[in-house]
Amino acid sequence: MAYIQLEPINEGLLSKLSNFLLCRWTCQACCQSCWECSCCQPSDEEVEILGPFPAQTPTWLVNDKNEDKDGDSDKDGDNNTATDPPMTPQDASPDCRRSSSDTSRSTYSLTRRVSSLESRRPSSPLIDIKPIEFWAMGSKKEAVQPAVLRKPYVPADNYFHKFEPRLYSVDSSSDDVDSLTDEEILSRYQLGMLHFSTQYDLLHNHLTVRVIEARDLPPPLACDSSRQDMAHSNPYVKMSLLPDQKNSRQTGVKRKTQNPVFEERYTFDIPFLEAQRRTLLLSVVDFDKFSRHCVIGKVAMSLCDVDLVRGGHWWKALVPSSQNEVELGELLLSLNYLPSAGRLNVDIIRAKQLLQTDMSQGSDPFVKIQLVMGLKLVKTKKTSCMRGTIDPFFNESFSFRVTQDDLQDASLVFTVYGHNMKSSNDFVGRIVIGQYSTGPPESSHWRRLLTSHRTPVEQWHSLRSRAECDRVSPASLEVT
């Protein structure tokens, strides 16, 4: 719709009502009676709200307004003369005179207000904009937002060529071995079989694992081509409970045989409900005194799938392991520097999953700590020897005198050995922490020590081989 120009109507009650509504529509802030509102008076600072107006009022509108005003004045004069009888002084009272004067003043103000609005009426009609409806549209409502035009998808000609058929073939190495039988696993991988048993003792709350024997293990050539003895293996079994691999156990090494007989029992102190949530991992490892041990194969069995209380015996086919070499183990260390005393305190807390270095059952590990300033060996200390374990608890503290100025040039070399009564001690693993660190974890531990004096900084470290440490750390070359 378009706004039309309104002509003032001055005929009786209809004229007053139209003028009143027009004033109320113009003045939104008016809260009193329209003829008593002072804000309705025209002013030069009044805001134009009806859109663009011409710079000057058209001459035809001024002439029409003046003629209407003159005509109204004459008509009012004639009506008053003809209809209203002359008032006598007795009939006219002061209140009546004051009311007549107020009414005439209000009528004059209202007339002047309407005339002012008529002069400000736009000369061109306004454009009616259709409002947007945000409520639910009916069946006959048209959508305000345009429909989204979607391009139809047309597959390319070479779309299916992106698939790699080898990933979906039956011979894929990523197949789930759980879906295969022991005969299929044995014929596919040919790594031999392992005989073991499990049973849970409710009276003493521990799990007993018995490693009985292994058969048809492959020769060392299939696992490690650098072995000196290519005809026979030196196997042993390493067992742990996943996922945390706490309290791992391992059997003794059986020399030069592909069909070892172990007949060894091991217990795990663990609650029954927790044991049912664990997975028993048995790894058959080939022992090598001069290099890292090679993993022949592994067996993983979920304990929730078996009756632990009743127990049972199983022959399981070995499957390939994701790691071809056994890890050397991990070492938990705590470092603390006291700048006021100039002392560097080292705590050897514990180690786990250490590499077995003795052909007999168990190992006798100990840790040697050596302080290197720059490229010079300054001090050597070592822990006590733990008998017959690969998860030793040391809990021993050592202190080195290092000034704050020399701390930036210091390096600590940690070496784990296996005690040997007949010959020299067997090397297990090494790490270097300090100026010449052997890796990012060691460097991070040293930076944390430098930024947090008087506060112990504790961290686990994976042991590395001697050759790896000598290649990346000059401090490792300065120690024996």
Protein backbone atom coordinates (compact mmCIF):
# COMPACT_ATOMS: atom_id res chain seq x y z
CA MET A 1 0.00 0.00 0.00
CA ALA A 2 1.06 3.66 -0.38
CA TYR A 3 0.57 6.54 1.92
CA ILE A 4 -1.86 9.17 0.61
CA GLN A 5 -1.98 12.78 1.53
CA LEU A 6 -4.65 13.56 4.14
CA GLU A 7 -6.70 16.74 3.94
CA PRO A 8 -7.71 18.29 7.26
CA ILE A 9 -11.36 17.74 8.09
CA ASN A 10 -12.90 20.51 10.19
CA GLU A 11 -16.54 19.44 10.32
CA GLY A 12 -17.85 18.94 13.82
CA LEU A 13 -16.96 15.87 15.89
CA LEU A 14 -15.37 14.04 12.96
CA SER A 15 -12.92 16.88 12.46
CA LYS A 16 -11.86 16.86 16.13
CA LEU A 17 -11.51 13.07 16.18
CA SER A 18 -9.36 13.00 13.03
CA ASN A 19 -7.18 15.82 14.35
CA PHE A 20 -6.77 14.01 17.67
CA LEU A 21 -5.76 10.71 16.01
CA LEU A 22 -3.38 12.50 13.68
CA CYS A 23 -1.66 14.21 16.60
CA ARG A 24 -1.39 10.95 18.56
CA TRP A 25 0.11 9.20 15.51
CA THR A 26 2.66 11.98 15.14
CA CYS A 27 3.69 12.28 18.77
CA GLN A 28 4.54 8.85 20.21
CA ALA A 29 5.91 10.25 23.49
CA CYS A 30 2.66 11.98 24.35
CA CYS A 31 1.27 10.53 27.59
CA GLN A 32 -1.23 13.28 28.43
CA SER A 33 -4.29 14.60 26.69
CA CYS A 34 -3.38 15.77 23.24
CA TRP A 35 -4.48 19.36 23.75
CA GLU A 36 -2.52 19.60 27.03
CA CYS A 37 0.76 18.11 25.69
CA SER A 38 3.55 20.59 25.32
CA CYS A 39 5.63 18.24 23.17
CA CYS A 40 3.13 18.54 20.35
CA GLN A 41 4.15 22.09 19.70
CA PRO A 42 6.10 22.44 16.47
CA SER A 43 9.79 23.19 16.70
CA ASP A 44 12.64 23.64 14.27
CA GLU A 45 14.59 20.73 15.78
CA GLU A 46 11.82 18.18 15.19
CA VAL A 47 13.04 14.97 13.45
CA GLU A 48 11.58 14.16 10.06
CA ILE A 49 10.31 10.58 10.15
CA LEU A 50 8.35 10.36 6.90
CA GLY A 51 11.28 10.07 4.53
CA PRO A 52 12.72 12.56 2.05
CA PHE A 53 10.92 15.90 1.68
CA PRO A 54 11.30 18.64 -0.90
CA ALA A 55 13.52 21.57 0.02
CA GLN A 56 10.58 24.01 -0.32
CA THR A 57 6.87 23.52 0.14
CA PRO A 58 5.07 23.42 -3.24
CA THR A 59 3.18 26.59 -4.09
CA TRP A 60 -0.05 24.74 -4.83
CA LEU A 61 -0.05 23.21 -1.33
CA VAL A 62 0.52 26.62 0.32
CA ASN A 63 -2.27 28.24 -1.72
CA ASP A 64 -4.72 25.43 -0.96
CA LYS A 65 -3.89 25.57 2.71
CA ASN A 66 -4.37 29.34 2.89
CA GLU A 67 -7.70 29.13 1.02
CA ASP A 68 -8.90 26.37 3.35
CA LYS A 69 -7.88 28.38 6.38
CA ASP A 70 -9.70 31.51 5.11
CA GLY A 71 -12.79 29.50 4.22
CA ASP A 72 -12.88 27.87 7.60
CA SER A 73 -12.53 31.19 9.33
CA ASP A 74 -15.44 32.68 7.37
CA LYS A 75 -17.60 29.64 7.95
CA ASP A 76 -16.86 29.63 11.65
CA GLY A 77 -17.71 33.28 11.84
CA ASP A 78 -20.99 32.81 10.05
CA ASN A 79 -21.95 29.84 12.17
CA ASN A 80 -21.17 31.63 15.37
CA THR A 81 -23.21 34.63 14.26
CA ALA A 82 -26.18 32.61 13.13
CA THR A 83 -26.50 29.94 15.76
CA ASP A 84 -24.94 31.14 18.96
CA PRO A 85 -27.06 33.68 20.83
CA PRO A 86 -25.23 36.63 22.36
CA MET A 87 -24.22 35.98 25.93
CA THR A 88 -25.27 38.33 28.56
CA PRO A 89 -22.96 39.56 31.25
CA GLN A 90 -25.03 37.68 33.84
CA ASP A 91 -24.62 34.35 32.08
CA ALA A 92 -20.87 34.69 31.59
CA SER A 93 -18.90 33.62 34.66
CA PRO A 94 -15.10 33.79 35.27
CA ASP A 95 -14.73 29.96 35.09
CA CYS A 96 -16.68 29.86 31.87
CA ARG A 97 -14.59 32.64 30.36
CA ARG A 98 -11.34 30.93 31.42
CA SER A 99 -12.58 27.62 29.96
CA SER A 100 -13.55 29.33 26.71
CA SER A 101 -10.14 30.97 26.43
CA ASP A 102 -8.32 27.65 27.11
CA THR A 103 -10.45 25.85 24.59
CA SER A 104 -9.85 28.46 21.93
CA ARG A 105 -6.08 28.38 22.65
CA SER A 106 -5.99 24.59 22.37
CA THR A 107 -8.06 24.66 19.18
CA TYR A 108 -5.71 27.22 17.68
CA SER A 109 -2.65 25.16 18.63
CA LEU A 110 -4.18 22.00 17.19
CA THR A 111 -5.08 23.76 13.95
CA ARG A 112 -1.57 25.15 13.63
CA ARG A 113 -0.12 21.65 14.33
CA VAL A 114 -2.28 20.05 11.62
CA SER A 115 -1.34 22.78 9.16
CA SER A 116 2.34 22.21 9.92
CA LEU A 117 1.99 18.45 9.33
CA GLU A 118 0.15 19.09 6.07
CA SER A 119 3.00 21.30 4.87
CA ARG A 120 5.51 18.52 5.72
CA ARG A 121 3.60 15.74 3.94
CA PRO A 122 5.83 14.13 1.26
CA SER A 123 5.03 14.98 -2.30
CA SER A 124 5.70 11.45 -3.55
CA PRO A 125 4.13 8.22 -2.24
CA LEU A 126 6.23 5.93 -0.03
CA ILE A 127 7.13 2.38 -1.07
CA ASP A 128 5.40 -0.37 0.86
CA ILE A 129 7.89 -3.13 1.80
CA LYS A 130 6.42 -6.53 2.56
CA PRO A 131 7.55 -7.67 6.01
CA ILE A 132 9.29 -11.03 6.47
CA GLU A 133 7.19 -13.53 8.39
CA PHE A 134 9.26 -15.67 10.74
CA TRP A 135 6.50 -17.95 11.94
CA ALA A 136 5.59 -21.27 10.33
CA MET A 137 4.33 -20.77 6.80
CA GLY A 138 1.00 -22.22 5.82
CA SER A 139 0.16 -24.10 2.67
CA LYS A 140 -0.54 -20.89 0.77
CA LYS A 141 2.44 -18.95 2.11
CA GLU A 142 5.31 -18.44 -0.25
CA ALA A 143 8.86 -19.04 0.96
CA VAL A 144 10.82 -15.88 1.71
CA GLN A 145 14.30 -17.42 1.32
CA PRO A 146 15.26 -18.61 -2.18
CA ALA A 147 15.75 -22.31 -2.66
CA VAL A 148 19.36 -23.55 -2.69
CA LEU A 149 20.39 -24.77 -6.07
CA ARG A 150 22.47 -27.92 -5.75
CA LYS A 151 24.54 -29.28 -8.53
CA PRO A 152 23.83 -32.96 -9.14
CA TYR A 153 26.77 -35.20 -8.30
CA VAL A 154 28.15 -37.14 -11.20
CA PRO A 155 30.85 -39.69 -10.27
CA ALA A 156 34.03 -39.60 -12.27
CA ASP A 157 34.92 -42.37 -14.64
CA ASN A 158 37.98 -43.37 -12.59
CA TYR A 159 36.22 -43.20 -9.24
CA PHE A 160 36.56 -46.89 -8.41
CA HIS A 161 40.20 -46.94 -9.47
CA LYS A 162 41.08 -45.21 -6.19
CA PHE A 163 40.44 -48.42 -4.24
CA GLU A 164 43.42 -50.64 -3.57
CA PRO A 165 42.36 -54.24 -4.11
CA ARG A 166 45.25 -55.59 -2.06
CA LEU A 167 43.73 -54.08 1.09
CA TYR A 168 40.61 -56.20 0.60
CA SER A 169 42.26 -59.41 -0.53
CA VAL A 170 42.22 -62.60 1.50
CA ASP A 171 46.03 -62.70 1.62
CA SER A 172 46.28 -59.28 3.36
CA SER A 173 48.65 -59.30 6.33
CA SER A 174 46.31 -57.03 8.28
CA ASP A 175 43.63 -59.72 8.71
CA ASP A 176 42.37 -60.29 12.20
CA VAL A 177 44.09 -63.46 13.46
CA ASP A 178 41.26 -63.99 15.96
CA SER A 179 39.04 -65.13 13.10
CA LEU A 180 41.54 -67.85 12.10
CA THR A 181 41.94 -71.26 13.67
CA ASP A 182 45.23 -72.48 15.13
CA GLU A 183 45.77 -74.77 12.14
CA GLU A 184 45.32 -71.85 9.71
CA ILE A 185 47.68 -69.65 11.73
CA LEU A 186 50.29 -72.40 11.93
CA SER A 187 50.15 -73.12 8.20
CA ARG A 188 50.31 -69.42 7.30
CA TYR A 189 53.11 -68.17 9.60
CA GLN A 190 54.90 -71.42 10.58
CA LEU A 191 56.26 -69.99 13.85
CA GLY A 192 55.50 -73.01 16.05
CA MET A 193 53.14 -73.55 18.97
CA LEU A 194 53.18 -72.84 22.71
CA HIS A 195 51.72 -75.00 25.48
CA PHE A 196 50.64 -73.23 28.71
CA SER A 197 47.94 -73.26 31.40
CA THR A 198 46.19 -70.73 33.68
CA GLN A 199 44.24 -70.97 36.94
CA TYR A 200 43.07 -68.46 39.55
CA ASP A 201 43.36 -69.21 43.28
CA LEU A 202 40.41 -67.59 45.10
CA LEU A 203 41.88 -68.48 48.49
CA HIS A 204 45.12 -66.57 47.98
CA ASN A 205 43.87 -64.10 45.31
CA HIS A 206 46.53 -64.71 42.70
CA LEU A 207 46.69 -65.89 39.10
CA THR A 208 48.99 -68.82 38.28
CA VAL A 209 50.47 -69.11 34.78
CA ARG A 210 52.34 -72.28 33.88
CA VAL A 211 54.61 -72.29 30.82
CA ILE A 212 55.04 -75.92 29.77
CA GLU A 213 56.76 -76.21 26.39
CA ALA A 214 57.05 -74.95 22.80
CA ARG A 215 57.34 -76.91 19.56
CA ASP A 216 58.56 -76.40 16.00
CA LEU A 217 60.14 -72.98 16.55
CA PRO A 218 61.77 -71.52 13.41
CA PRO A 219 65.59 -71.32 13.17
CA PRO A 220 67.31 -68.01 13.93
CA LEU A 221 67.86 -67.34 10.22
CA ALA A 222 64.17 -66.61 9.83
CA CYS A 223 64.31 -63.99 12.59
CA ASP A 224 67.78 -62.41 12.53
CA SER A 225 70.27 -62.86 9.68
CA SER A 226 73.13 -61.42 11.78
CA ARG A 227 73.16 -64.35 14.19
CA GLN A 228 76.40 -66.35 14.41
CA ASP A 229 74.62 -69.65 15.17
CA MET A 230 72.16 -70.12 12.32
CA ALA A 231 71.12 -73.64 13.24
CA HIS A 232 69.71 -73.35 16.75
CA SER A 233 67.80 -70.85 18.91
CA ASN A 234 68.11 -69.95 22.57
CA PRO A 235 64.43 -69.39 23.38
CA TYR A 236 62.74 -68.14 26.51
CA VAL A 237 59.18 -66.96 27.26
CA LYS A 238 58.31 -63.47 28.51
CA MET A 239 54.82 -62.98 29.99
CA SER A 240 52.84 -59.94 31.14
CA LEU A 241 49.26 -58.76 31.72
CA LEU A 242 48.00 -56.13 29.33
CA PRO A 243 47.39 -53.27 29.06
CA ASP A 244 49.87 -51.89 31.63
CA GLN A 245 52.30 -54.86 31.50
CA LYS A 246 52.95 -54.65 35.23
CA ASN A 247 54.96 -57.34 37.05
CA SER A 248 56.23 -59.07 33.92
CA ARG A 249 57.82 -62.50 34.24
CA GLN A 250 60.14 -64.50 32.06
CA THR A 251 61.42 -68.04 32.01
CA GLY A 252 64.95 -69.27 31.84
CA VAL A 253 66.77 -69.55 28.52
CA LYS A 254 66.89 -72.97 26.88
CA ARG A 255 70.07 -73.28 24.87
CA LYS A 256 70.23 -74.46 21.26
CA THR A 257 66.83 -76.04 20.81
CA GLN A 258 63.75 -75.56 18.66
CA ASN A 259 61.53 -77.61 21.00
CA PRO A 260 62.21 -76.20 24.49
CA VAL A 261 60.61 -77.63 27.61
CA PHE A 262 60.20 -75.00 30.36
CA GLU A 263 57.84 -76.39 33.04
CA GLU A 264 57.88 -73.19 35.10
CA ARG A 265 55.11 -71.56 37.18
CA TYR A 266 54.58 -67.87 37.90
CA THR A 267 52.00 -66.05 40.00
CA PHE A 268 50.44 -62.59 39.61
CA ASP A 269 48.93 -60.97 42.70
CA ILE A 270 45.78 -59.44 41.23
CA PRO A 271 42.09 -59.35 42.29
CA PHE A 272 39.74 -61.71 40.49
CA LEU A 273 37.54 -59.02 38.92
CA GLU A 274 40.58 -57.15 37.64
CA ALA A 275 42.12 -60.35 36.27
CA GLN A 276 39.02 -60.90 34.14
CA ARG A 277 39.61 -57.53 32.46
CA ARG A 278 43.21 -58.33 31.53
CA THR A 279 44.83 -60.02 28.54
CA LEU A 280 47.65 -62.51 29.02
CA LEU A 281 50.54 -61.87 26.62
CA LEU A 282 53.16 -64.59 26.10
CA SER A 283 56.14 -63.77 23.86
CA VAL A 284 58.68 -66.36 22.75
CA VAL A 285 62.06 -64.61 22.44
CA ASP A 286 65.38 -65.78 21.00
CA PHE A 287 68.23 -64.85 23.36
CA ASP A 288 71.37 -63.26 21.87
CA LYS A 289 74.21 -62.18 24.13
CA PHE A 290 75.85 -59.88 21.59
CA SER A 291 72.81 -58.04 20.19
CA ARG A 292 69.19 -57.32 20.89
CA HIS A 293 66.95 -60.29 21.44
CA CYS A 294 64.65 -61.27 18.59
CA VAL A 295 60.93 -61.95 19.11
CA ILE A 296 59.97 -65.24 17.45
CA GLY A 297 56.21 -64.95 18.02
CA LYS A 298 53.52 -64.18 20.55
CA VAL A 299 50.22 -65.43 21.96
CA ALA A 300 47.54 -63.09 23.38
CA MET A 301 44.56 -64.54 25.27
CA SER A 302 41.76 -62.53 26.87
CA LEU A 303 41.15 -63.84 30.38
CA CYS A 304 37.46 -62.96 30.29
CA ASP A 305 36.89 -65.69 27.70
CA VAL A 306 38.14 -68.54 29.91
CA ASP A 307 37.10 -70.08 33.24
CA LEU A 308 39.92 -68.89 35.50
CA VAL A 309 38.72 -70.71 38.61
CA ARG A 310 38.46 -74.06 36.89
CA GLY A 311 41.62 -73.45 34.83
CA GLY A 312 42.73 -75.15 31.65
CA HIS A 313 45.55 -76.09 29.25
CA TRP A 314 45.97 -74.60 25.76
CA TRP A 315 48.07 -75.18 22.69
CA LYS A 316 48.24 -71.86 20.81
CA ALA A 317 49.90 -71.11 17.48
CA LEU A 318 52.41 -68.25 17.55
CA VAL A 319 51.67 -65.14 15.49
CA PRO A 320 54.16 -62.46 14.36
CA SER A 321 54.83 -59.61 16.76
CA SER A 322 54.66 -55.94 15.79
CA GLN A 323 58.13 -55.44 17.25
CA ASN A 324 60.89 -57.61 15.89
CA GLU A 325 63.26 -56.78 18.75
CA VAL A 326 62.69 -56.82 22.48
CA GLU A 327 62.87 -53.43 24.15
CA LEU A 328 65.79 -52.89 26.52
CA GLY A 329 63.57 -51.69 29.35
CA GLU A 330 62.63 -48.46 31.11
CA LEU A 331 64.17 -46.53 34.00
CA LEU A 332 62.39 -44.16 36.41
CA LEU A 333 64.58 -41.25 37.58
CA SER A 334 64.11 -38.16 39.75
CA LEU A 335 66.41 -35.11 39.56
CA ASN A 336 66.62 -32.17 41.97
CA TYR A 337 69.08 -29.25 42.07
CA LEU A 338 69.76 -27.10 45.18
CA PRO A 339 71.45 -23.85 44.03
CA SER A 340 72.21 -22.60 47.57
CA ALA A 341 74.12 -25.80 48.44
CA GLY A 342 75.43 -26.42 44.92
CA ARG A 343 74.22 -30.04 44.97
CA LEU A 344 72.66 -32.12 42.21
CA ASN A 345 70.55 -34.93 43.74
CA VAL A 346 69.72 -38.04 41.69
CA ASP A 347 67.16 -40.68 42.75
CA ILE A 348 67.14 -44.10 41.05
CA ILE A 349 63.60 -45.26 41.80
CA ARG A 350 62.89 -48.39 39.75
CA ALA A 351 63.16 -50.14 36.38
CA LYS A 352 60.81 -52.39 34.45
CA GLN A 353 60.87 -54.80 31.52
CA LEU A 354 64.67 -55.01 31.56
CA LEU A 355 66.36 -57.18 28.99
CA GLN A 356 67.47 -60.54 30.34
CA THR A 357 71.24 -60.92 30.01
CA ASP A 358 71.81 -64.27 31.70
CA MET A 359 71.09 -67.69 30.25
CA SER A 360 69.88 -68.83 33.64
CA GLN A 361 66.53 -67.84 35.09
CA GLY A 362 66.23 -64.17 36.04
CA SER A 363 68.75 -61.30 35.96
CA ASP A 364 70.80 -59.35 38.51
CA PRO A 365 70.54 -55.70 37.35
CA PHE A 366 72.21 -52.61 38.80
CA VAL A 367 72.61 -48.98 37.60
CA LYS A 368 75.84 -47.01 37.21
CA ILE A 369 75.64 -43.18 37.35
CA GLN A 370 78.51 -41.10 35.92
CA LEU A 371 78.88 -37.30 35.99
CA VAL A 372 80.56 -35.75 32.93
CA MET A 373 81.53 -32.05 32.92
CA GLY A 374 81.91 -30.99 29.31
CA LEU A 375 83.84 -33.96 27.90
CA LYS A 376 85.57 -35.03 31.10
CA LEU A 377 84.46 -37.80 33.46
CA VAL A 378 84.29 -36.42 37.01
CA LYS A 379 82.48 -38.90 39.28
CA THR A 380 81.09 -42.47 39.15
CA LYS A 381 78.57 -44.12 41.49
CA LYS A 382 76.36 -47.21 41.30
CA THR A 383 73.36 -48.80 42.97
CA SER A 384 73.18 -52.15 44.72
CA CYS A 385 72.50 -55.31 42.68
CA MET A 386 68.95 -56.71 42.62
CA ARG A 387 68.91 -60.49 42.40
CA GLY A 388 66.75 -62.51 40.03
CA THR A 389 64.37 -59.85 38.64
CA ILE A 390 63.77 -57.78 35.52
CA ASP A 391 61.54 -55.28 37.38
CA PRO A 392 63.84 -54.08 40.18
CA PHE A 393 63.01 -51.45 42.83
CA PHE A 394 66.16 -49.51 43.78
CA ASN A 395 64.93 -46.42 45.69
CA GLU A 396 68.48 -45.12 46.13
CA SER A 397 69.67 -41.48 46.19
CA PHE A 398 72.98 -39.97 45.11
CA SER A 399 74.36 -36.44 45.36
CA PHE A 400 76.93 -34.69 43.14
CA ARG A 401 78.59 -31.38 43.87
CA VAL A 402 77.87 -29.06 40.92
CA THR A 403 78.02 -25.26 41.05
CA GLN A 404 75.31 -23.23 39.39
CA ASP A 405 77.77 -21.97 36.76
CA ASP A 406 78.85 -25.54 35.85
CA LEU A 407 75.30 -26.92 35.72
CA GLN A 408 74.86 -25.93 32.06
CA ASP A 409 77.89 -28.05 31.07
CA ALA A 410 76.96 -31.15 33.12
CA SER A 411 75.80 -34.50 31.73
CA LEU A 412 74.59 -37.55 33.65
CA VAL A 413 75.18 -40.98 32.07
CA PHE A 414 72.90 -43.78 33.37
CA THR A 415 73.91 -47.33 32.39
CA VAL A 416 72.05 -50.51 33.40
CA TYR A 417 74.13 -53.68 33.69
CA GLY A 418 73.37 -57.29 34.46
CA HIS A 419 75.72 -58.71 37.08
CA ASN A 420 77.78 -61.67 35.89
CA MET A 421 79.85 -63.75 38.32
CA LYS A 422 81.92 -65.55 35.66
CA SER A 423 82.78 -62.70 33.32
CA SER A 424 82.35 -58.96 32.87
CA ASN A 425 78.96 -57.44 33.54
CA ASP A 426 76.43 -57.60 30.72
CA PHE A 427 75.31 -54.33 29.15
CA VAL A 428 71.53 -53.78 29.19
CA GLY A 429 70.91 -50.15 28.17
CA ARG A 430 71.97 -46.53 28.60
CA ILE A 431 70.66 -42.95 28.51
CA VAL A 432 72.36 -39.54 28.85
CA ILE A 433 70.65 -36.53 30.48
CA GLY A 434 72.22 -33.08 30.43
CA GLN A 435 74.20 -31.01 27.95
CA TYR A 436 74.66 -33.97 25.57
CA SER A 437 71.30 -35.72 25.92
CA THR A 438 70.53 -38.81 23.86
CA GLY A 439 67.03 -37.77 22.75
CA PRO A 440 64.06 -35.40 23.16
CA PRO A 441 62.71 -37.09 26.36
CA GLU A 442 66.09 -36.71 28.07
CA SER A 443 66.42 -33.08 26.90
CA SER A 444 62.91 -32.30 28.19
CA HIS A 445 63.75 -33.77 31.61
CA TRP A 446 66.91 -31.63 31.83
CA ARG A 447 65.09 -28.41 30.84
CA ARG A 448 62.48 -29.03 33.51
CA LEU A 449 65.27 -29.42 36.07
CA LEU A 450 66.88 -26.10 35.06
CA THR A 451 63.59 -24.21 35.34
CA SER A 452 62.40 -25.72 38.65
CA HIS A 453 65.13 -25.57 41.26
CA ARG A 454 64.53 -27.15 44.69
CA THR A 455 61.72 -29.26 43.19
CA PRO A 456 62.16 -32.98 42.32
CA VAL A 457 61.48 -33.71 38.64
CA GLU A 458 60.49 -37.33 37.92
CA GLN A 459 60.24 -39.05 34.52
CA TRP A 460 60.37 -42.48 32.84
CA HIS A 461 63.09 -43.08 30.20
CA SER A 462 63.44 -45.85 27.62
CA LEU A 463 66.90 -47.39 27.55
CA ARG A 464 68.96 -47.20 24.37
CA SER A 465 71.73 -49.32 22.94
CA ARG A 466 75.40 -48.43 23.38
CA ALA A 467 75.87 -47.77 19.67
CA GLU A 468 72.89 -45.39 19.54
CA CYS A 469 74.13 -43.41 22.55
CA ASP A 470 77.68 -43.16 21.19
CA ARG A 471 76.34 -41.88 17.89
CA VAL A 472 74.29 -38.98 19.30
CA SER A 473 76.04 -38.10 22.61
CA PRO A 474 79.74 -37.23 23.03
CA ALA A 475 79.37 -37.81 26.79
CA SER A 476 78.61 -41.49 26.15
CA LEU A 477 82.00 -41.90 24.48
CA GLU A 478 83.82 -40.65 27.60
CA VAL A 479 82.52 -43.44 29.86
CA THR A 480 83.07 -47.18 29.84
